[in-house]
Protein backbone atom coordinates (compact mmCIF):
# COMPACT_ATOMS: atom_id res chain seq x y z
CA MET A 1 109.99 79.57 186.47
CA THR A 2 106.94 81.77 186.85
CA ARG A 3 104.14 80.02 185.05
CA ASN A 4 101.20 78.52 186.93
CA TRP A 5 100.40 75.17 185.37
CA SER A 6 96.74 74.25 185.36
CA ARG A 7 95.46 70.74 185.91
CA ARG A 8 93.97 70.77 182.39
CA GLU A 9 97.36 71.66 180.90
CA PHE A 10 98.86 68.80 182.81
CA VAL A 11 96.47 66.36 181.16
CA GLY A 12 97.08 67.87 177.75
CA MET A 13 100.77 67.10 177.98
CA GLY A 14 100.01 63.41 178.09
CA MET A 15 102.10 62.79 181.18
CA ALA A 16 100.24 59.75 182.28
CA ALA A 17 100.60 58.01 178.96
CA SER A 18 104.37 58.43 179.17
CA ALA A 19 104.83 57.11 182.70
CA GLY A 20 105.76 53.64 181.56
CA LEU A 21 108.51 55.05 179.36
CA ALA A 22 109.96 56.77 182.38
CA LEU A 23 109.91 53.49 184.26
CA SER A 24 111.49 51.43 181.52
CA GLY A 25 113.86 54.07 180.24
CA MET A 26 112.95 53.30 176.64
CA ALA A 27 111.03 55.59 174.32
CA GLN A 28 109.89 54.01 171.07
CA GLY A 29 111.64 55.40 168.09
CA GLN A 30 114.18 57.32 170.14
CA GLU A 31 117.81 56.34 170.50
CA ALA A 32 118.83 59.19 172.76
CA GLY A 33 118.28 58.83 176.46
CA PRO A 34 115.81 60.95 178.39
CA LYS A 35 116.59 64.54 179.26
CA PRO A 36 118.52 64.58 182.57
CA VAL A 37 116.59 65.59 185.67
CA ARG A 38 118.75 66.82 188.54
CA VAL A 39 117.32 66.04 191.97
CA GLY A 40 118.56 66.99 195.42
CA GLY A 41 117.80 64.84 198.45
CA VAL A 42 116.93 66.53 201.74
CA GLY A 43 116.65 64.18 204.69
CA VAL A 44 118.37 60.94 203.71
CA GLY A 45 117.65 58.73 206.68
CA ASN A 46 115.86 55.42 206.24
CA ARG A 47 113.00 56.75 204.11
CA GLY A 48 115.19 59.22 202.25
CA THR A 49 117.70 56.49 201.41
CA SER A 50 114.93 54.28 200.04
CA LEU A 51 113.66 57.09 197.82
CA THR A 52 117.21 57.87 196.66
CA GLY A 53 117.66 54.26 195.61
CA ASN A 54 114.42 54.35 193.63
CA LEU A 55 115.41 57.62 191.95
CA LEU A 56 118.76 56.19 190.90
CA ARG A 57 117.00 53.36 189.08
CA LEU A 58 115.07 55.82 186.92
CA PRO A 59 116.70 56.77 183.59
CA GLY A 60 118.21 60.21 183.32
CA VAL A 61 118.04 61.11 187.02
CA GLN A 62 121.13 62.74 188.48
CA ILE A 63 121.65 63.50 192.17
CA PRO A 64 124.23 66.28 192.53
CA ALA A 65 123.57 67.12 196.20
CA VAL A 66 122.18 65.60 199.39
CA CYS A 67 121.47 67.05 202.83
CA ASP A 68 121.17 65.56 206.31
CA ILE A 69 122.41 66.74 209.72
CA ASN A 70 123.29 63.12 210.60
CA PRO A 71 126.83 62.50 209.20
CA GLU A 72 126.22 58.75 208.87
CA HIS A 73 123.07 59.29 206.83
CA LEU A 74 124.85 61.82 204.66
CA ALA A 75 127.81 59.52 203.97
CA ARG A 76 125.51 56.58 203.24
CA ALA A 77 123.53 58.59 200.68
CA GLN A 78 126.70 59.84 199.01
CA ALA A 79 128.04 56.29 198.76
CA LEU A 80 124.74 55.07 197.30
CA VAL A 81 124.93 57.65 194.51
CA GLU A 82 128.57 56.81 193.80
CA THR A 83 127.79 53.10 193.67
CA ALA A 84 125.21 53.88 190.99
CA GLY A 85 128.01 55.29 188.85
CA GLN A 86 127.43 59.00 189.44
CA PRO A 87 129.88 61.54 190.89
CA LYS A 88 129.87 61.87 194.65
CA PRO A 89 127.14 64.38 195.47
CA GLU A 90 127.99 67.42 197.52
CA GLY A 91 126.86 67.01 201.11
CA TYR A 92 125.18 69.59 203.32
CA GLY A 93 124.69 68.98 207.02
CA GLU A 94 126.55 71.47 209.13
CA ASN A 95 123.37 72.71 210.84
CA GLU A 96 119.56 72.70 210.56
CA ALA A 97 119.66 75.53 208.00
CA ALA A 98 122.02 73.66 205.66
CA TYR A 99 119.15 72.71 203.37
CA GLU A 100 118.85 76.36 202.34
CA LYS A 101 122.26 76.18 200.65
CA LEU A 102 121.22 73.08 198.74
CA MET A 103 117.98 74.72 197.62
CA ALA A 104 119.90 77.73 196.34
CA ARG A 105 122.02 75.69 193.93
CA ASP A 106 121.47 76.45 190.26
CA ASP A 107 122.09 72.87 189.11
CA LEU A 108 118.94 71.31 190.61
CA ASP A 109 115.52 70.93 189.01
CA ALA A 110 113.75 69.36 191.99
CA VAL A 111 114.20 68.24 195.57
CA ILE A 112 112.87 65.22 197.42
CA ILE A 113 112.15 66.03 201.06
CA ALA A 114 112.09 63.16 203.56
CA SER A 115 113.00 65.01 206.75
CA TYR A 116 111.19 65.05 210.10
CA TRP A 117 107.56 66.13 209.84
CA GLN A 118 108.05 69.60 211.29
CA TRP A 119 110.46 70.45 208.49
CA HIS A 120 108.31 69.36 205.55
CA THR A 121 106.53 72.66 204.97
CA PRO A 122 109.47 75.07 205.50
CA MET A 123 111.67 72.96 203.23
CA ALA A 124 109.02 72.66 200.50
CA VAL A 125 108.40 76.41 200.65
CA CYS A 126 112.14 77.06 200.36
CA ALA A 127 112.37 74.72 197.36
CA MET A 128 109.54 76.42 195.51
CA ARG A 129 110.93 79.89 196.22
CA ASN A 130 114.18 78.72 194.64
CA GLY A 131 112.39 77.43 191.54
CA LYS A 132 112.71 73.73 192.42
CA TYR A 133 109.86 71.25 192.14
CA ALA A 134 109.08 70.05 195.66
CA GLY A 135 108.45 66.36 196.24
CA VAL A 136 107.66 66.15 199.95
CA GLU A 137 106.97 63.14 202.13
CA VAL A 138 103.79 62.70 204.13
CA PRO A 139 102.23 64.67 205.67
CA ALA A 140 103.12 67.79 203.71
CA ALA A 141 101.91 70.04 206.54
CA LEU A 142 100.94 69.76 210.21
CA ASP A 143 98.36 72.53 210.53
CA VAL A 144 96.16 74.82 208.48
CA ALA A 145 98.67 77.68 208.51
CA GLN A 146 101.32 75.45 206.95
CA CYS A 147 98.81 74.26 204.36
CA TRP A 148 98.19 77.85 203.32
CA ASP A 149 101.96 78.45 203.18
CA LEU A 150 102.28 75.65 200.63
CA VAL A 151 99.30 76.77 198.56
CA ASN A 152 100.26 80.44 198.54
CA THR A 153 103.89 79.74 197.67
CA SER A 154 103.03 77.38 194.84
CA GLU A 155 100.51 79.86 193.40
CA GLN A 156 102.90 82.82 193.75
CA THR A 157 105.94 81.08 192.26
CA GLY A 158 104.22 78.83 189.72
CA VAL A 159 106.25 75.89 191.03
CA PRO A 160 104.44 72.61 191.72
CA CYS A 161 104.47 70.88 195.09
CA MET A 162 103.65 67.16 195.27
CA MET A 163 103.17 65.21 198.46
CA LEU A 164 104.56 61.71 197.90
CA GLU A 165 101.47 59.75 198.97
CA ASN A 166 102.30 56.35 197.51
CA TRP A 167 99.02 54.59 198.35
CA SER A 168 97.32 56.75 195.71
CA PHE A 169 99.36 54.77 193.18
CA ARG A 170 98.52 51.23 194.32
CA GLN A 171 97.47 48.94 191.50
CA ASP A 172 94.21 47.95 193.19
CA ASN A 173 93.30 51.51 194.09
CA LEU A 174 93.89 52.74 190.54
CA ALA A 175 91.78 49.89 189.16
CA VAL A 176 88.96 50.95 191.51
CA LEU A 177 89.36 54.49 190.19
CA ASN A 178 88.86 53.18 186.65
CA MET A 179 85.71 51.34 187.74
CA ILE A 180 84.29 54.43 189.43
CA ARG A 181 84.95 56.64 186.43
CA GLN A 182 83.26 54.12 184.17
CA GLY A 183 80.16 54.21 186.35
CA MET A 184 80.45 50.71 187.78
CA LEU A 185 79.60 51.76 191.33
CA GLY A 186 77.09 54.47 190.40
CA GLN A 187 77.19 57.78 192.27
CA ILE A 188 79.73 57.64 195.08
CA VAL A 189 78.19 58.30 198.50
CA HIS A 190 80.51 57.12 201.28
CA CYS A 191 83.99 55.85 202.07
CA HIS A 192 85.54 54.24 205.15
CA CYS A 193 89.33 54.23 205.22
CA ALA A 194 91.97 53.55 207.85
CA HIS A 195 95.66 53.41 208.63
CA SER A 196 95.77 50.41 210.94
CA HIS A 197 99.36 49.43 211.58
CA ASP A 198 101.01 48.75 214.92
CA CYS A 199 104.05 51.03 214.76
CA ILE A 200 105.02 51.13 218.44
CA ASP A 201 108.18 49.02 218.27
CA HIS A 202 109.79 50.35 215.10
CA TRP A 203 108.32 53.71 214.15
CA PHE A 204 107.61 55.69 217.29
CA PHE A 205 110.16 53.76 219.40
CA ASP A 206 112.96 51.31 218.62
CA ARG A 207 113.09 47.65 219.64
CA GLU A 208 115.14 48.55 222.72
CA GLY A 209 112.43 50.91 223.97
CA ASN A 210 114.17 54.17 223.08
CA ASP A 211 112.22 57.12 221.71
CA ARG A 212 112.51 57.75 217.99
CA TRP A 213 111.81 61.19 216.59
CA PRO A 214 108.02 60.72 216.05
CA ALA A 215 107.54 59.88 219.73
CA GLU A 216 107.49 63.55 220.70
CA PHE A 217 104.27 64.00 218.72
CA LEU A 218 102.56 61.34 220.85
CA VAL A 219 103.42 63.36 223.96
CA LYS A 220 102.34 66.74 222.63
CA TYR A 221 99.25 66.06 220.49
CA ASN A 222 95.99 64.10 220.37
CA ARG A 223 94.96 63.92 216.71
CA ASP A 224 95.12 61.81 213.57
CA GLN A 225 98.89 61.92 213.14
CA TYR A 226 98.94 60.08 209.82
CA PRO A 227 95.79 60.47 207.66
CA THR A 228 97.35 60.60 204.19
CA HIS A 229 97.62 56.86 203.49
CA SER A 230 93.92 56.59 204.28
CA LEU A 231 92.85 59.56 202.19
CA GLY A 232 95.19 59.25 199.21
CA PRO A 233 92.97 57.14 196.93
CA VAL A 234 89.78 58.64 198.34
CA LEU A 235 90.43 62.07 196.85
CA SER A 236 90.27 60.80 193.28
CA TRP A 237 87.48 58.31 194.01
CA MET A 238 85.31 61.14 195.35
CA ASP A 239 86.41 63.94 192.98
CA ILE A 240 87.71 66.03 195.86
CA ASN A 241 89.00 69.40 194.58
CA CYS A 242 87.50 68.71 191.17
CA GLY A 243 83.73 68.66 191.59
CA ASP A 244 83.47 68.35 195.36
CA ALA A 245 85.42 69.43 198.43
CA PHE A 246 85.70 68.68 202.13
CA ALA A 247 83.36 70.95 204.11
CA THR A 248 83.51 69.94 207.80
CA LEU A 249 85.04 67.30 210.02
CA ALA A 250 84.58 66.02 213.55
CA SER A 251 87.06 63.79 215.37
CA THR A 252 86.96 61.66 218.50
CA ALA A 253 89.78 59.90 220.31
CA THR A 254 89.89 57.04 222.78
CA ALA A 255 91.97 57.23 225.92
CA GLN A 256 95.63 56.25 225.63
CA ARG A 257 96.24 52.78 227.00
CA GLY A 258 98.30 51.00 224.37
CA ILE A 259 101.65 52.78 224.72
CA ASN A 260 101.89 52.37 228.50
CA ALA A 261 100.70 48.78 228.25
CA TYR A 262 103.31 47.96 225.62
CA PHE A 263 106.20 49.27 227.69
CA ALA A 264 105.00 47.61 230.87
CA ARG A 265 104.61 44.30 229.04
CA GLN A 266 107.83 44.48 227.06
CA PHE A 267 110.24 46.23 229.43
CA GLY A 268 108.59 46.08 232.84
CA PRO A 269 106.52 48.54 234.86
CA GLU A 270 109.63 50.50 235.90
CA HIS A 271 110.33 51.68 232.36
CA PRO A 272 109.67 55.46 232.16
CA ASN A 273 107.29 55.08 229.23
CA ALA A 274 105.16 52.58 231.17
CA THR A 275 103.77 55.45 233.23
CA LYS A 276 104.54 58.47 231.05
CA ALA A 277 101.61 60.71 230.12
CA PHE A 278 101.05 60.55 226.37
CA ALA A 279 98.46 62.89 224.87
CA GLN A 280 97.71 60.71 221.85
CA GLY A 281 94.63 58.50 222.09
CA ASP A 282 94.97 54.97 220.76
CA ILE A 283 92.20 55.24 218.17
CA VAL A 284 91.12 58.43 216.43
CA THR A 285 87.96 58.44 214.33
CA THR A 286 87.30 61.35 212.00
CA THR A 287 84.09 61.92 210.07
CA ILE A 288 84.22 64.28 207.10
CA LYS A 289 81.27 65.67 205.17
CA THR A 290 81.75 67.13 201.70
CA HIS A 291 79.92 70.03 200.10
CA GLY A 292 78.29 67.51 197.78
CA GLY A 293 76.83 65.44 200.62
CA LYS A 294 79.35 62.57 200.65
CA THR A 295 80.84 61.29 203.89
CA VAL A 296 84.24 59.85 204.78
CA ILE A 297 85.24 58.03 207.97
CA ILE A 298 88.97 57.83 208.76
CA ASN A 299 90.56 55.72 211.48
CA TYR A 300 94.00 56.29 213.00
CA ASP A 301 95.15 53.04 214.66
CA MET A 302 98.92 52.82 215.18
CA GLN A 303 99.45 52.08 218.88
CA LEU A 304 97.61 48.84 219.69
CA PRO A 305 98.65 45.28 218.75
CA ARG A 306 97.52 44.75 215.17
CA PRO A 307 99.00 43.23 212.03
CA TYR A 308 99.25 45.56 209.07
CA ASP A 309 95.65 46.17 208.08
CA ASN A 310 95.06 49.29 206.03
CA ARG A 311 91.62 49.22 204.52
CA TRP A 312 89.23 51.00 202.18
CA LEU A 313 85.53 50.63 201.54
CA ILE A 314 84.03 52.83 198.84
CA GLN A 315 80.26 52.75 198.37
CA GLY A 316 78.01 54.02 195.60
CA THR A 317 74.43 53.77 194.42
CA LEU A 318 75.16 50.65 192.32
CA GLY A 319 77.61 48.79 194.51
CA LEU A 320 80.79 48.88 196.55
CA TYR A 321 84.40 47.80 196.80
CA ASN A 322 85.76 46.29 200.02
CA GLU A 323 89.55 46.14 200.18
CA GLN A 324 89.62 44.02 203.35
CA ARG A 325 87.56 41.31 201.66
CA THR A 326 89.32 41.84 198.30
CA ALA A 327 85.79 41.84 196.96
CA VAL A 328 83.11 43.80 195.17
CA TYR A 329 79.37 43.71 194.94
CA ILE A 330 77.63 45.35 191.97
CA THR A 331 73.86 45.43 191.59
CA GLY A 332 72.69 43.63 188.46
CA GLN A 333 76.17 42.30 187.69
CA SER A 334 77.39 40.26 190.62
CA PRO A 335 76.23 36.71 189.99
CA GLU A 336 74.70 36.08 193.42
CA TYR A 337 72.21 38.34 195.19
CA HIS A 338 73.84 39.98 198.20
CA GLU A 339 76.97 37.87 197.82
CA TRP A 340 80.49 39.26 197.45
CA GLU A 341 82.52 38.34 194.40
CA PRO A 342 86.32 38.35 194.14
CA PHE A 343 88.01 41.59 193.12
CA PRO A 344 91.07 40.21 191.23
CA PRO A 345 89.19 39.69 187.92
CA TYR A 346 88.03 43.30 188.11
CA GLN A 347 91.55 44.50 188.87
CA GLU A 348 92.79 42.69 185.78
CA LYS A 349 89.98 44.03 183.60
CA TYR A 350 90.26 47.62 184.86
CA ASN A 351 94.02 47.67 185.36
CA HIS A 352 95.18 51.26 185.02
CA ALA A 353 97.43 52.38 182.17
CA TRP A 354 100.07 53.53 184.64
CA TRP A 355 100.45 49.94 185.79
CA ARG A 356 100.20 48.40 182.34
CA GLU A 357 103.00 50.61 181.10
CA GLY A 358 105.14 50.17 184.19
CA ALA A 359 104.63 46.44 184.59
CA GLY A 360 107.36 44.55 186.38
CA VAL A 361 108.65 47.47 188.42
CA GLN A 362 108.29 46.47 192.06
CA ASP A 363 110.71 48.72 193.94
CA GLY A 364 109.38 50.22 197.14
CA HIS A 365 105.98 49.43 198.66
CA GLY A 366 104.98 47.02 195.93
CA GLY A 367 106.03 49.33 193.11
CA THR A 368 104.14 52.42 194.27
CA ASP A 369 107.30 54.32 195.17
CA SER A 370 108.79 53.67 191.74
CA LEU A 371 105.60 54.69 189.98
CA GLU A 372 105.03 57.92 191.89
CA LEU A 373 108.68 58.96 191.51
CA ALA A 374 108.66 58.16 187.78
CA LEU A 375 105.60 60.35 187.33
CA PHE A 376 107.12 63.10 189.46
CA VAL A 377 110.36 63.02 187.43
CA LYS A 378 108.38 63.04 184.16
CA ALA A 379 106.55 66.18 185.29
CA VAL A 380 109.83 67.85 186.23
CA ARG A 381 111.41 66.88 182.92
CA ASP A 382 108.47 68.26 180.92
CA ARG A 383 107.87 71.26 183.25
CA THR A 384 104.26 70.22 183.74
CA GLN A 385 102.03 69.82 186.78
CA THR A 386 102.67 66.87 189.09
CA PRO A 387 100.10 64.04 189.37
CA ILE A 388 99.30 65.08 192.95
CA ASP A 389 99.18 68.87 193.09
CA VAL A 390 99.47 71.24 196.01
CA TYR A 391 95.69 71.37 196.57
CA ASP A 392 95.41 67.60 196.92
CA SER A 393 98.54 67.58 199.09
CA VAL A 394 97.01 69.96 201.63
CA ALA A 395 93.54 68.36 201.46
CA MET A 396 95.12 65.22 202.89
CA SER A 397 97.50 66.98 205.26
CA CYS A 398 95.08 69.45 206.85
CA ILE A 399 93.34 66.56 208.64
CA VAL A 400 96.29 66.39 211.06
CA GLY A 401 95.73 69.80 212.60
CA LEU A 402 91.95 69.94 212.16
CA SER A 403 91.38 66.58 213.86
CA GLY A 404 93.36 67.82 216.85
CA GLU A 405 91.32 71.04 216.92
CA SER A 406 88.05 69.12 216.88
CA ILE A 407 89.14 66.75 219.67
CA ALA A 408 90.35 69.65 221.82
CA LYS A 409 86.97 71.36 221.45
CA GLY A 410 85.01 68.30 222.55
CA SER A 411 84.75 66.59 219.14
CA VAL A 412 82.67 69.39 217.65
CA PRO A 413 82.60 69.85 213.86
CA VAL A 414 85.17 72.26 212.46
CA GLU A 415 85.28 73.84 209.03
CA VAL A 416 87.75 72.59 206.44
CA PRO A 417 89.22 75.58 204.56
CA ASP A 418 88.69 75.81 200.82
CA PHE A 419 92.31 75.80 199.69
CA THR A 420 91.24 76.01 196.03
CA ARG A 421 89.38 79.30 196.69
CA GLY A 422 86.25 77.99 194.97
CA GLN A 423 88.00 76.41 191.98
CA TRP A 424 86.83 72.93 193.03
CA LYS A 425 83.41 73.75 191.58
CA THR A 426 84.75 73.87 188.01
CA ARG A 427 88.04 71.94 188.07
CA LYS A 428 88.06 68.62 186.19
CA PRO A 429 89.55 65.34 187.44
CA VAL A 430 93.19 64.88 186.50
CA PHE A 431 94.79 62.31 188.78
CA GLY A 432 94.92 59.03 186.90
CA VAL A 433 93.47 60.55 183.71
CA VAL A 434 95.20 59.26 180.58
CA ALA A 435 95.07 61.50 177.52
């Protein structure tokens, strides 16, 4: 495959309008099933297994091969595919380079990459160079150089790369997108978003106090380790890469207190992690300014006691949406002056076509995993652009490295590269657009 698919071509194919058919497996007026899409799984641990299960519930998806260096993970994934009624997939896991053999197979159309973070970019690059659509977990890259690797490879090969940022596909966030595009909030000016989720005892470490693989990043780096859930919906709300673009960012970090305090409290002051030096501050705040004069504030908050509390606030010249309050306020429309009104009626009224067509599918993160994978598979089947393209993937991912650079330099502003090479000035919105 050598063709570069434009965002406009992607819209013209009517992918969005067909998403519900991919979810239900039924196309009106067609008796034959959907064209098979052959997907390889690379990294089939907890997250990879979840994605594999969601893929197997989509019509016409075949999984001929899986890869993981952990034999238990590999065997579990193979058994999952067999249980779904498919032949046992070939397993690759003899060493860290085993994924290259999987990528070189000629019976795969796409790969889903759910490996450790440091492998996301090299694996996605390898997939694209072998002509396979790359669906890569978050973040797609860890620094600016890796971002350019993804962009350059996708442009050179003509093969799409989609970061699997599921919060872009939330029902509420897509309804807000509809409202924005219909002018309900006026001109968008500002957004505050955050990933606030205490992940100490299950994500970075296990319940027994042992390090899990992400823990090494807390030792080595002080940065926003996980900005994509925050930024996912914001890109489309603010027309990033299609009318506007990130220009500069500045990040600050608090001292690290939460990790040591957790281990001292939970396991006693003699536990090694109770006194270990971790580079990562507990709270990272990043302020982004766009070329068009909009601002975005992002908070990283994953190390202090806190119930799950992701949040978005998007503000325009006519009103705003507040996810934490599940509320909106719209000048001239909200019934009470300076009083919030409930968001659910607006979500129902502005419910996005992707959710109307895929109603009832609730597998994985409230249905977002199913929806994003259905849309990814539809793009692979039709050989069209993916709903999140490589430019949006790196716009979210570059915050990881750039936030660390800003903090290291004393929280000074740093430039955000223009990964579109100026195309953002003329590109039209595509994500969530229904033909």
